[in-house]
Amino acid sequence: TGRGKGTMSDWAPIAKEYDPLKAGSIDGTDEEPHDRAI
């Protein structure tokens, strides 16, 4: 879960590295998974 935290300056609309936690978030900023698949 800690992988998804990061800084806001790292935010980008297209993922440069795949993070399931971020991919499950509409803006890439979630810190907790919201479904079991994540």
PDB file of all heavy atoms in Angstrom:
ATOM      1  N   THR A   1       0.825  -1.198   0.000  1.00  0.00           N
ATOM      2  CA  THR A   1       0.000   0.000   0.000  1.00  0.00           C
ATOM      3  C   THR A   1       0.861   1.250   0.000  1.00  0.00           C
ATOM      4  O   THR A   1       0.538   2.262  -0.603  1.00  0.00           O
ATOM      5  CB  THR A   1      -0.932   0.000   1.232  1.00  0.00           C
ATOM      6  OG1 THR A   1      -1.708  -1.191   1.200  1.00  0.00           O
ATOM      7  CG2 THR A   1      -1.829   1.223   1.236  1.00  0.00           C
ATOM      8  N   GLY A   2       2.001   1.184   0.655  1.00  0.00           N
ATOM      9  CA  GLY A   2       2.885   2.338   0.729  1.00  0.00           C
ATOM     10  C   GLY A   2       3.421   2.754  -0.605  1.00  0.00           C
ATOM     11  O   GLY A   2       3.854   3.880  -0.800  1.00  0.00           O
ATOM     12  N   ARG A   3       3.391   1.839  -1.594  1.00  0.00           N
ATOM     13  CA  ARG A   3       3.917   2.159  -2.918  1.00  0.00           C
ATOM     14  C   ARG A   3       3.103   3.250  -3.581  1.00  0.00           C
ATOM     15  O   ARG A   3       3.614   3.995  -4.402  1.00  0.00           O
ATOM     16  CB  ARG A   3       3.894   0.912  -3.813  1.00  0.00           C
ATOM     17  CG  ARG A   3       4.845  -0.144  -3.416  1.00  0.00           C
ATOM     18  CD  ARG A   3       4.509  -1.453  -4.093  1.00  0.00           C
ATOM     19  NE  ARG A   3       4.277  -1.268  -5.517  1.00  0.00           N
ATOM     20  CZ  ARG A   3       3.678  -2.147  -6.277  1.00  0.00           C
ATOM     21  NH1 ARG A   3       3.220  -3.265  -5.735  1.00  0.00           N
ATOM     22  NH2 ARG A   3       3.510  -1.934  -7.560  1.00  0.00           N
ATOM     23  N   GLY A   4       1.816   3.362  -3.261  1.00  0.00           N
ATOM     24  CA  GLY A   4       0.951   4.284  -3.968  1.00  0.00           C
ATOM     25  C   GLY A   4       1.039   5.709  -3.487  1.00  0.00           C
ATOM     26  O   GLY A   4       0.429   6.583  -4.062  1.00  0.00           O
ATOM     27  N   LYS A   5       1.783   5.987  -2.406  1.00  0.00           N
ATOM     28  CA  LYS A   5       1.765   7.311  -1.808  1.00  0.00           C
ATOM     29  C   LYS A   5       2.536   8.304  -2.652  1.00  0.00           C
ATOM     30  O   LYS A   5       1.980   9.152  -3.257  1.00  0.00           O
ATOM     31  CB  LYS A   5       2.281   7.239  -0.380  1.00  0.00           C
ATOM     32  CG  LYS A   5       1.313   6.444   0.505  1.00  0.00           C
ATOM     33  CD  LYS A   5       1.684   6.501   1.956  1.00  0.00           C
ATOM     34  CE  LYS A   5       0.656   5.789   2.814  1.00  0.00           C
ATOM     35  NZ  LYS A   5       0.967   5.807   4.227  1.00  0.00           N
ATOM     36  N   GLY A   6       3.810   8.292  -2.745  1.00  0.00           N
ATOM     37  CA  GLY A   6       4.546   9.171  -3.645  1.00  0.00           C
ATOM     38  C   GLY A   6       4.226  10.637  -3.426  1.00  0.00           C
ATOM     39  O   GLY A   6       3.445  11.029  -2.582  1.00  0.00           O
ATOM     40  N   THR A   7       4.813  11.525  -4.213  1.00  0.00           N
ATOM     41  CA  THR A   7       4.582  12.956  -4.128  1.00  0.00           C
ATOM     42  C   THR A   7       3.704  13.394  -5.282  1.00  0.00           C
ATOM     43  O   THR A   7       3.669  12.774  -6.329  1.00  0.00           O
ATOM     44  CB  THR A   7       5.924  13.722  -4.177  1.00  0.00           C
ATOM     45  OG1 THR A   7       6.544  13.454  -5.434  1.00  0.00           O
ATOM     46  CG2 THR A   7       6.833  13.278  -3.051  1.00  0.00           C
ATOM     47  N   MET A   8       2.990  14.503  -5.090  1.00  0.00           N
ATOM     48  CA  MET A   8       2.108  15.010  -6.122  1.00  0.00           C
ATOM     49  C   MET A   8       2.887  15.453  -7.351  1.00  0.00           C
ATOM     50  O   MET A   8       2.358  15.467  -8.456  1.00  0.00           O
ATOM     51  CB  MET A   8       1.289  16.179  -5.567  1.00  0.00           C
ATOM     52  CG  MET A   8       0.287  15.767  -4.507  1.00  0.00           C
ATOM     53  SD  MET A   8      -0.928  14.575  -5.112  1.00  0.00           S
ATOM     54  CE  MET A   8      -1.872  15.617  -6.191  1.00  0.00           C
ATOM     55  N   SER A   9       4.158  15.800  -7.164  1.00  0.00           N
ATOM     56  CA  SER A   9       4.963  16.232  -8.302  1.00  0.00           C
ATOM     57  C   SER A   9       5.255  15.084  -9.260  1.00  0.00           C
ATOM     58  O   SER A   9       5.642  15.304 -10.399  1.00  0.00           O
ATOM     59  CB  SER A   9       6.280  16.845  -7.816  1.00  0.00           C
ATOM     60  OG  SER A   9       7.026  15.886  -7.087  1.00  0.00           O
ATOM     61  N   ASP A  10       5.041  13.830  -8.781  1.00  0.00           N
ATOM     62  CA  ASP A  10       5.285  12.668  -9.630  1.00  0.00           C
ATOM     63  C   ASP A  10       4.084  12.324 -10.488  1.00  0.00           C
ATOM     64  O   ASP A  10       4.153  11.432 -11.324  1.00  0.00           O
ATOM     65  CB  ASP A  10       5.636  11.441  -8.759  1.00  0.00           C
ATOM     66  CG  ASP A  10       6.940  11.644  -8.000  1.00  0.00           C
ATOM     67  OD1 ASP A  10       7.776  12.415  -8.497  1.00  0.00           O
ATOM     68  OD2 ASP A  10       7.090  11.044  -6.926  1.00  0.00           O
ATOM     69  N   TRP A  11       2.964  13.031 -10.291  1.00  0.00           N
ATOM     70  CA  TRP A  11       1.729  12.694 -10.984  1.00  0.00           C
ATOM     71  C   TRP A  11       1.849  12.949 -12.481  1.00  0.00           C
ATOM     72  O   TRP A  11       2.438  13.931 -12.933  1.00  0.00           O
ATOM     73  CB  TRP A  11       0.568  13.512 -10.424  1.00  0.00           C
ATOM     74  CG  TRP A  11      -0.753  13.163 -11.061  1.00  0.00           C
ATOM     75  CD1 TRP A  11      -1.629  12.211 -10.658  1.00  0.00           C
ATOM     76  CD2 TRP A  11      -1.318  13.751 -12.233  1.00  0.00           C
ATOM     77  NE1 TRP A  11      -2.715  12.162 -11.503  1.00  0.00           N
ATOM     78  CE2 TRP A  11      -2.551  13.098 -12.482  1.00  0.00           C
ATOM     79  CE3 TRP A  11      -0.906  14.762 -13.108  1.00  0.00           C
ATOM     80  CZ2 TRP A  11      -3.372  13.434 -13.548  1.00  0.00           C
ATOM     81  CZ3 TRP A  11      -1.717  15.091 -14.176  1.00  0.00           C
ATOM     82  CH2 TRP A  11      -2.941  14.433 -14.394  1.00  0.00           C
ATOM     83  N   ALA A  12       1.295  12.032 -13.287  1.00  0.00           N
ATOM     84  CA  ALA A  12       1.251  12.181 -14.744  1.00  0.00           C
ATOM     85  C   ALA A  12       0.009  11.450 -15.240  1.00  0.00           C
ATOM     86  O   ALA A  12      -0.419  10.459 -14.636  1.00  0.00           O
ATOM     87  CB  ALA A  12       2.504  11.595 -15.390  1.00  0.00           C
ATOM     88  N   PRO A  13      -0.623  11.901 -16.328  1.00  0.00           N
ATOM     89  CA  PRO A  13      -1.866  11.272 -16.802  1.00  0.00           C
ATOM     90  C   PRO A  13      -1.666   9.870 -17.369  1.00  0.00           C
ATOM     91  O   PRO A  13      -2.590   9.066 -17.366  1.00  0.00           O
ATOM     92  CB  PRO A  13      -2.362  12.239 -17.880  1.00  0.00           C
ATOM     93  CG  PRO A  13      -1.136  12.982 -18.301  1.00  0.00           C
ATOM     94  CD  PRO A  13      -0.272  13.089 -17.107  1.00  0.00           C
ATOM     95  N   ILE A  14      -0.454   9.579 -17.862  1.00  0.00           N
ATOM     96  CA  ILE A  14      -0.154   8.254 -18.395  1.00  0.00           C
ATOM     97  C   ILE A  14       0.889   7.589 -17.497  1.00  0.00           C
ATOM     98  O   ILE A  14       1.922   8.186 -17.205  1.00  0.00           O
ATOM     99  CB  ILE A  14       0.389   8.339 -19.834  1.00  0.00           C
ATOM    100  CG1 ILE A  14      -0.650   8.967 -20.749  1.00  0.00           C
ATOM    101  CG2 ILE A  14       0.762   6.956 -20.352  1.00  0.00           C
ATOM    102  CD1 ILE A  14      -1.915   8.171 -20.922  1.00  0.00           C
ATOM    103  N   ALA A  15       0.617   6.368 -17.060  1.00  0.00           N
ATOM    104  CA  ALA A  15       1.526   5.674 -16.141  1.00  0.00           C
ATOM    105  C   ALA A  15       2.859   5.371 -16.813  1.00  0.00           C
ATOM    106  O   ALA A  15       2.885   4.843 -17.927  1.00  0.00           O
ATOM    107  CB  ALA A  15       0.879   4.392 -15.645  1.00  0.00           C
ATOM    108  N   LYS A  16       3.954   5.710 -16.154  1.00  0.00           N
ATOM    109  CA  LYS A  16       5.293   5.399 -16.653  1.00  0.00           C
ATOM    110  C   LYS A  16       5.816   4.102 -16.039  1.00  0.00           C
ATOM    111  O   LYS A  16       6.811   3.551 -16.481  1.00  0.00           O
ATOM    112  CB  LYS A  16       6.240   6.551 -16.347  1.00  0.00           C
ATOM    113  CG  LYS A  16       5.820   7.860 -17.016  1.00  0.00           C
ATOM    114  CD  LYS A  16       6.733   8.997 -16.638  1.00  0.00           C
ATOM    115  CE  LYS A  16       6.286  10.297 -17.284  1.00  0.00           C
ATOM    116  NZ  LYS A  16       7.131  11.449 -16.880  1.00  0.00           N
ATOM    117  N   GLU A  17       5.121   3.657 -14.998  1.00  0.00           N
ATOM    118  CA  GLU A  17       5.431   2.384 -14.343  1.00  0.00           C
ATOM    119  C   GLU A  17       4.123   1.865 -13.779  1.00  0.00           C
ATOM    120  O   GLU A  17       3.316   2.638 -13.249  1.00  0.00           O
ATOM    121  CB  GLU A  17       6.461   2.587 -13.226  1.00  0.00           C
ATOM    122  CG  GLU A  17       6.833   1.320 -12.497  1.00  0.00           C
ATOM    123  CD  GLU A  17       7.918   1.563 -11.454  1.00  0.00           C
ATOM    124  OE1 GLU A  17       8.696   2.522 -11.614  1.00  0.00           O
ATOM    125  OE2 GLU A  17       7.988   0.786 -10.479  1.00  0.00           O
ATOM    126  N   TYR A  18       3.878   0.572 -13.913  1.00  0.00           N
ATOM    127  CA  TYR A  18       2.577   0.045 -13.498  1.00  0.00           C
ATOM    128  C   TYR A  18       2.525  -0.196 -12.001  1.00  0.00           C
ATOM    129  O   TYR A  18       3.346  -0.922 -11.439  1.00  0.00           O
ATOM    130  CB  TYR A  18       2.245  -1.257 -14.227  1.00  0.00           C
ATOM    131  CG  TYR A  18       0.791  -1.636 -14.066  1.00  0.00           C
ATOM    132  CD1 TYR A  18      -0.171  -1.063 -14.871  1.00  0.00           C
ATOM    133  CD2 TYR A  18       0.398  -2.529 -13.078  1.00  0.00           C
ATOM    134  CE1 TYR A  18      -1.510  -1.369 -14.711  1.00  0.00           C
ATOM    135  CE2 TYR A  18      -0.929  -2.848 -12.913  1.00  0.00           C
ATOM    136  CZ  TYR A  18      -1.892  -2.265 -13.729  1.00  0.00           C
ATOM    137  OH  TYR A  18      -3.226  -2.568 -13.553  1.00  0.00           O
ATOM    138  N   ASP A  19       1.549   0.439 -11.363  1.00  0.00           N
ATOM    139  CA  ASP A  19       1.282   0.255  -9.938  1.00  0.00           C
ATOM    140  C   ASP A  19      -0.204  -0.066  -9.813  1.00  0.00           C
ATOM    141  O   ASP A  19      -1.051   0.782 -10.105  1.00  0.00           O
ATOM    142  CB  ASP A  19       1.605   1.530  -9.168  1.00  0.00           C
ATOM    143  CG  ASP A  19       1.455   1.359  -7.661  1.00  0.00           C
ATOM    144  OD1 ASP A  19       0.656   0.503  -7.232  1.00  0.00           O
ATOM    145  OD2 ASP A  19       2.127   2.086  -6.912  1.00  0.00           O
ATOM    146  N   PRO A  20      -0.582  -1.290  -9.415  1.00  0.00           N
ATOM    147  CA  PRO A  20      -1.998  -1.666  -9.337  1.00  0.00           C
ATOM    148  C   PRO A  20      -2.834  -0.734  -8.480  1.00  0.00           C
ATOM    149  O   PRO A  20      -3.993  -0.468  -8.803  1.00  0.00           O
ATOM    150  CB  PRO A  20      -1.951  -3.071  -8.727  1.00  0.00           C
ATOM    151  CG  PRO A  20      -0.600  -3.592  -9.065  1.00  0.00           C
ATOM    152  CD  PRO A  20       0.309  -2.397  -9.037  1.00  0.00           C
ATOM    153  N   LEU A  21      -2.250  -0.225  -7.387  1.00  0.00           N
ATOM    154  CA  LEU A  21      -2.981   0.670  -6.505  1.00  0.00           C
ATOM    155  C   LEU A  21      -3.335   1.969  -7.223  1.00  0.00           C
ATOM    156  O   LEU A  21      -4.465   2.452  -7.168  1.00  0.00           O
ATOM    157  CB  LEU A  21      -2.154   0.966  -5.256  1.00  0.00           C
ATOM    158  CG  LEU A  21      -2.805   1.887  -4.213  1.00  0.00           C
ATOM    159  CD1 LEU A  21      -4.122   1.305  -3.732  1.00  0.00           C
ATOM    160  CD2 LEU A  21      -1.853   2.106  -3.050  1.00  0.00           C
ATOM    161  N   LYS A  22      -2.368   2.529  -7.943  1.00  0.00           N
ATOM    162  CA  LYS A  22      -2.622   3.766  -8.677  1.00  0.00           C
ATOM    163  C   LYS A  22      -3.557   3.515  -9.861  1.00  0.00           C
ATOM    164  O   LYS A  22      -4.405   4.342 -10.174  1.00  0.00           O
ATOM    165  CB  LYS A  22      -1.308   4.356  -9.164  1.00  0.00           C
ATOM    166  CG  LYS A  22      -0.419   4.895  -8.051  1.00  0.00           C
ATOM    167  CD  LYS A  22       0.848   5.508  -8.623  1.00  0.00           C
ATOM    168  CE  LYS A  22       1.721   6.074  -7.509  1.00  0.00           C
ATOM    169  NZ  LYS A  22       2.978   6.676  -8.063  1.00  0.00           N
ATOM    170  N   ALA A  23      -3.383   2.372 -10.519  1.00  0.00           N
ATOM    171  CA  ALA A  23      -4.214   2.063 -11.682  1.00  0.00           C
ATOM    172  C   ALA A  23      -5.684   1.937 -11.306  1.00  0.00           C
ATOM    173  O   ALA A  23      -6.569   2.185 -12.131  1.00  0.00           O
ATOM    174  CB  ALA A  23      -3.737   0.772 -12.346  1.00  0.00           C
ATOM    175  N   GLY A  24      -5.964   1.580 -10.057  1.00  0.00           N
ATOM    176  CA  GLY A  24      -7.342   1.466  -9.598  1.00  0.00           C
ATOM    177  C   GLY A  24      -7.940   2.775  -9.156  1.00  0.00           C
ATOM    178  O   GLY A  24      -9.101   2.832  -8.744  1.00  0.00           O
ATOM    179  N   SER A  25      -7.166   3.864  -9.254  1.00  0.00           N
ATOM    180  CA  SER A  25      -7.610   5.187  -8.817  1.00  0.00           C
ATOM    181  C   SER A  25      -7.842   6.078 -10.021  1.00  0.00           C
ATOM    182  O   SER A  25      -7.026   6.131 -10.941  1.00  0.00           O
ATOM    183  CB  SER A  25      -6.557   5.803  -7.894  1.00  0.00           C
ATOM    184  OG  SER A  25      -6.811   7.178  -7.672  1.00  0.00           O
ATOM    185  N   ILE A  26      -8.915   6.827 -10.022  1.00  0.00           N
ATOM    186  CA  ILE A  26      -9.259   7.668 -11.167  1.00  0.00           C
ATOM    187  C   ILE A  26      -8.233   8.768 -11.414  1.00  0.00           C
ATOM    188  O   ILE A  26      -8.036   9.211 -12.542  1.00  0.00           O
ATOM    189  CB  ILE A  26     -10.669   8.285 -10.983  1.00  0.00           C
ATOM    190  CG1 ILE A  26     -11.179   8.872 -12.303  1.00  0.00           C
ATOM    191  CG2 ILE A  26     -10.664   9.324  -9.878  1.00  0.00           C
ATOM    192  CD1 ILE A  26     -12.628   9.274 -12.259  1.00  0.00           C
ATOM    193  N   ASP A  27      -7.555   9.210 -10.350  1.00  0.00           N
ATOM    194  CA  ASP A  27      -6.538  10.254 -10.519  1.00  0.00           C
ATOM    195  C   ASP A  27      -5.139   9.792 -10.111  1.00  0.00           C
ATOM    196  O   ASP A  27      -4.199  10.595 -10.067  1.00  0.00           O
ATOM    197  CB  ASP A  27      -6.908  11.518  -9.727  1.00  0.00           C
ATOM    198  CG  ASP A  27      -7.110  11.245  -8.241  1.00  0.00           C
ATOM    199  OD1 ASP A  27      -6.843  10.104  -7.796  1.00  0.00           O
ATOM    200  OD2 ASP A  27      -7.547  12.162  -7.519  1.00  0.00           O
ATOM    201  N   GLY A  28      -4.998   8.491  -9.812  1.00  0.00           N
ATOM    202  CA  GLY A  28      -3.691   7.944  -9.467  1.00  0.00           C
ATOM    203  C   GLY A  28      -3.185   8.325  -8.097  1.00  0.00           C
ATOM    204  O   GLY A  28      -1.984   8.266  -7.839  1.00  0.00           O
ATOM    205  N   THR A  29      -4.088   8.693  -7.170  1.00  0.00           N
ATOM    206  CA  THR A  29      -3.640   9.160  -5.849  1.00  0.00           C
ATOM    207  C   THR A  29      -4.180   8.310  -4.689  1.00  0.00           C
ATOM    208  O   THR A  29      -3.951   8.656  -3.537  1.00  0.00           O
ATOM    209  CB  THR A  29      -4.074  10.620  -5.630  1.00  0.00           C
ATOM    210  OG1 THR A  29      -5.511  10.711  -5.692  1.00  0.00           O
ATOM    211  CG2 THR A  29      -3.470  11.527  -6.694  1.00  0.00           C
ATOM    212  N   ASP A  30      -4.903   7.223  -4.994  1.00  0.00           N
ATOM    213  CA  ASP A  30      -5.442   6.397  -3.905  1.00  0.00           C
ATOM    214  C   ASP A  30      -4.330   5.828  -3.037  1.00  0.00           C
ATOM    215  O   ASP A  30      -3.251   5.494  -3.525  1.00  0.00           O
ATOM    216  CB  ASP A  30      -6.274   5.239  -4.478  1.00  0.00           C
ATOM    217  CG  ASP A  30      -7.676   5.676  -4.860  1.00  0.00           C
ATOM    218  OD1 ASP A  30      -7.954   6.888  -4.784  1.00  0.00           O
ATOM    219  OD2 ASP A  30      -8.481   4.813  -5.243  1.00  0.00           O
ATOM    220  N   GLU A  31      -4.633   5.687  -1.751  1.00  0.00           N
ATOM    221  CA  GLU A  31      -3.681   5.100  -0.811  1.00  0.00           C
ATOM    222  C   GLU A  31      -4.184   3.786  -0.241  1.00  0.00           C
ATOM    223  O   GLU A  31      -3.458   3.108   0.485  1.00  0.00           O
ATOM    224  CB  GLU A  31      -3.388   6.102   0.323  1.00  0.00           C
ATOM    225  CG  GLU A  31      -2.732   7.386  -0.171  1.00  0.00           C
ATOM    226  CD  GLU A  31      -2.373   8.320   0.962  1.00  0.00           C
ATOM    227  OE1 GLU A  31      -2.591   7.931   2.130  1.00  0.00           O
ATOM    228  OE2 GLU A  31      -1.880   9.422   0.691  1.00  0.00           O
ATOM    229  N   GLU A  32      -5.434   3.430  -0.564  1.00  0.00           N
ATOM    230  CA  GLU A  32      -6.009   2.170  -0.103  1.00  0.00           C
ATOM    231  C   GLU A  32      -6.739   1.503  -1.271  1.00  0.00           C
ATOM    232  O   GLU A  32      -7.444   2.184  -2.024  1.00  0.00           O
ATOM    233  CB  GLU A  32      -6.985   2.392   1.052  1.00  0.00           C
ATOM    234  CG  GLU A  32      -6.342   2.869   2.343  1.00  0.00           C
ATOM    235  CD  GLU A  32      -5.486   1.802   2.997  1.00  0.00           C
ATOM    236  OE1 GLU A  32      -5.710   0.609   2.709  1.00  0.00           O
ATOM    237  OE2 GLU A  32      -4.600   2.159   3.798  1.00  0.00           O
ATOM    238  N   PRO A  33      -6.627   0.193  -1.457  1.00  0.00           N
ATOM    239  CA  PRO A  33      -7.355  -0.505  -2.528  1.00  0.00           C
ATOM    240  C   PRO A  33      -8.860  -0.445  -2.288  1.00  0.00           C
ATOM    241  O   PRO A  33      -9.301  -0.520  -1.143  1.00  0.00           O
ATOM    242  CB  PRO A  33      -6.845  -1.946  -2.430  1.00  0.00           C
ATOM    243  CG  PRO A  33      -5.663  -1.895  -1.541  1.00  0.00           C
ATOM    244  CD  PRO A  33      -5.781  -0.706  -0.670  1.00  0.00           C
ATOM    245  N   HIS A  34      -9.642  -0.305  -3.357  1.00  0.00           N
ATOM    246  CA  HIS A  34     -11.093  -0.228  -3.193  1.00  0.00           C
ATOM    247  C   HIS A  34     -11.809  -1.454  -3.746  1.00  0.00           C
ATOM    248  O   HIS A  34     -13.039  -1.518  -3.688  1.00  0.00           O
ATOM    249  CB  HIS A  34     -11.648   1.038  -3.862  1.00  0.00           C
ATOM    250  CG  HIS A  34     -11.401   1.099  -5.333  1.00  0.00           C
ATOM    251  ND1 HIS A  34     -12.115   0.361  -6.235  1.00  0.00           N
ATOM    252  CD2 HIS A  34     -10.504   1.816  -6.057  1.00  0.00           C
ATOM    253  CE1 HIS A  34     -11.687   0.618  -7.446  1.00  0.00           C
ATOM    254  NE2 HIS A  34     -10.706   1.486  -7.381  1.00  0.00           N
ATOM    255  N   ASP A  35     -11.083  -2.428  -4.283  1.00  0.00           N
ATOM    256  CA  ASP A  35     -11.724  -3.693  -4.666  1.00  0.00           C
ATOM    257  C   ASP A  35     -10.726  -4.841  -4.510  1.00  0.00           C
ATOM    258  O   ASP A  35      -9.513  -4.631  -4.458  1.00  0.00           O
ATOM    259  CB  ASP A  35     -12.319  -3.629  -6.084  1.00  0.00           C
ATOM    260  CG  ASP A  35     -11.269  -3.514  -7.176  1.00  0.00           C
ATOM    261  OD1 ASP A  35     -10.372  -4.368  -7.235  1.00  0.00           O
ATOM    262  OD2 ASP A  35     -11.363  -2.577  -7.998  1.00  0.00           O
ATOM    263  N   ARG A  36     -11.242  -6.052  -4.438  1.00  0.00           N
ATOM    264  CA  ARG A  36     -10.403  -7.221  -4.166  1.00  0.00           C
ATOM    265  C   ARG A  36      -9.417  -7.492  -5.293  1.00  0.00           C
ATOM    266  O   ARG A  36      -8.329  -8.025  -5.061  1.00  0.00           O
ATOM    267  CB  ARG A  36     -11.290  -8.444  -3.942  1.00  0.00           C
ATOM    268  CG  ARG A  36     -12.139  -8.366  -2.688  1.00  0.00           C
ATOM    269  CD  ARG A  36     -12.974  -9.622  -2.516  1.00  0.00           C
ATOM    270  NE  ARG A  36     -13.780  -9.569  -1.302  1.00  0.00           N
ATOM    271  CZ  ARG A  36     -14.626 -10.531  -0.933  1.00  0.00           C
ATOM    272  NH1 ARG A  36     -14.762 -11.613  -1.705  1.00  0.00           N
ATOM    273  NH2 ARG A  36     -15.325 -10.414   0.175  1.00  0.00           N
ATOM    274  N   ALA A  37      -9.818  -7.149  -6.517  1.00  0.00           N
ATOM    275  CA  ALA A  37      -8.933  -7.399  -7.655  1.00  0.00           C
ATOM    276  C   ALA A  37      -7.632  -6.606  -7.532  1.00  0.00           C
ATOM    277  O   ALA A  37      -6.568  -7.074  -7.947  1.00  0.00           O
ATOM    278  CB  ALA A  37      -9.650  -7.040  -8.957  1.00  0.00           C
ATOM    279  N   ILE A  38      -7.716  -5.410  -6.947  1.00  0.00           N
ATOM    280  CA  ILE A  38      -6.496  -4.610  -6.756  1.00  0.00           C
ATOM    281  C   ILE A  38      -5.566  -5.311  -5.775  1.00  0.00           C
ATOM    282  O   ILE A  38      -4.347  -5.361  -5.975  1.00  0.00           O
ATOM    283  CB  ILE A  38      -6.845  -3.193  -6.274  1.00  0.00           C
ATOM    284  CG1 ILE A  38      -7.608  -2.439  -7.367  1.00  0.00           C
ATOM    285  CG2 ILE A  38      -5.579  -2.425  -5.896  1.00  0.00           C
ATOM    286  CD1 ILE A  38      -8.048  -1.045  -6.970  1.00  0.00           C
TER     287      ILE A  38
END
